[in-house]
Amino acid sequence: MEQEFDVEIKEVLSRVQKVKAESLDDAINKAMDMYYAEQIVLGAEDMKGVDFAPISESQLPSSLKENGGKTRRFISSLFSTT
């Protein structure tokens, strides 16, 4: 009989953005402002990986318990076009 499980799927998006500024703090603040103003929008081309994990420890399969509870990870190199 099938059971129902809660599996968290977490995508990681990342991009390096060049920002002109007088200091690193200023550059970070400008990047944050641009991001929250939706002038920088991360998309599929910024995909770096994805993790799959059970929500509760009691749902961990024995294979993950033996591996220290590490989740499966799909790494960005599979998406890389360069």
Protein backbone atom coordinates (compact mmCIF):
# COMPACT_ATOMS: atom_id res chain seq x y z
CA MET A 1 0.00 0.00 0.00
CA GLU A 2 1.37 3.40 -0.95
CA GLN A 3 1.99 6.03 1.70
CA GLU A 4 2.12 9.80 1.42
CA PHE A 5 5.37 11.63 2.17
CA ASP A 6 6.30 15.29 2.42
CA VAL A 7 9.37 15.97 0.27
CA GLU A 8 10.92 19.43 0.17
CA ILE A 9 12.23 20.48 -3.25
CA LYS A 10 14.65 23.40 -3.00
CA GLU A 11 16.09 25.10 -6.08
CA VAL A 12 19.24 27.17 -5.91
CA LEU A 13 19.49 30.17 -8.25
CA SER A 14 22.61 32.31 -8.38
CA ARG A 15 24.17 35.00 -10.59
CA VAL A 16 27.21 37.26 -10.38
CA GLN A 17 26.10 40.82 -11.16
CA LYS A 18 28.54 43.64 -11.91
CA VAL A 19 27.60 46.77 -9.92
CA LYS A 20 29.35 50.14 -10.11
CA ALA A 21 29.77 51.66 -6.65
CA GLU A 22 32.22 53.52 -4.43
CA SER A 23 32.57 50.65 -1.93
CA LEU A 24 31.67 46.99 -1.51
CA ASP A 25 28.96 47.91 1.02
CA ASP A 26 27.49 50.37 -1.48
CA ALA A 27 27.62 47.74 -4.25
CA ILE A 28 25.81 45.18 -2.09
CA ASN A 29 23.16 47.75 -1.13
CA LYS A 30 22.69 48.70 -4.79
CA ALA A 31 22.40 45.05 -5.80
CA MET A 32 19.82 44.46 -3.05
CA ASP A 33 17.85 47.53 -4.13
CA MET A 34 17.91 46.37 -7.76
CA TYR A 35 16.85 42.86 -6.77
CA TYR A 36 13.93 43.98 -4.59
CA ALA A 37 12.85 46.48 -7.27
CA GLU A 38 12.79 43.52 -9.69
CA GLN A 39 15.48 45.05 -11.89
CA ILE A 40 17.42 41.81 -11.34
CA VAL A 41 15.27 38.70 -11.75
CA LEU A 42 16.86 35.27 -11.51
CA GLY A 43 15.54 32.65 -13.90
CA ALA A 44 16.16 29.19 -15.30
CA GLU A 45 19.53 30.23 -16.77
CA ASP A 46 20.69 30.99 -13.20
CA MET A 47 19.90 27.47 -11.94
CA LYS A 48 22.76 26.08 -9.87
CA GLY A 49 21.19 22.99 -8.36
CA VAL A 50 18.28 21.35 -6.64
CA ASP A 51 17.95 19.43 -3.36
CA PHE A 52 15.33 16.85 -2.40
CA ALA A 53 14.79 16.14 1.30
CA PRO A 54 12.16 14.59 3.52
CA ILE A 55 10.48 17.06 5.85
CA SER A 56 10.78 14.92 8.98
CA GLU A 57 13.67 12.79 10.20
CA SER A 58 11.27 9.88 10.74
CA GLN A 59 10.69 9.83 6.97
CA LEU A 60 14.39 9.39 6.13
CA PRO A 61 14.92 6.18 4.17
CA SER A 62 17.53 3.81 5.60
CA SER A 63 19.92 4.64 2.73
CA LEU A 64 20.02 8.29 3.85
CA LYS A 65 20.27 7.40 7.56
CA GLU A 66 23.40 5.38 6.73
CA ASN A 67 24.77 8.35 4.78
CA GLY A 68 24.43 10.77 7.69
CA GLY A 69 21.07 12.10 6.49
CA LYS A 70 22.52 13.73 3.38
CA THR A 71 19.98 14.49 0.69
CA ARG A 72 20.31 13.88 -3.01
CA ARG A 73 21.68 16.89 -4.84
CA PHE A 74 21.51 17.72 -8.53
CA ILE A 75 24.54 19.88 -9.32
CA SER A 76 24.64 22.88 -11.63
CA SER A 77 27.26 21.43 -13.98
CA LEU A 78 24.46 19.42 -15.51
CA PHE A 79 22.80 22.69 -16.52
CA SER A 80 25.98 24.46 -17.62
CA THR A 81 26.18 25.51 -21.26
CA THR A 82 29.76 26.78 -21.08
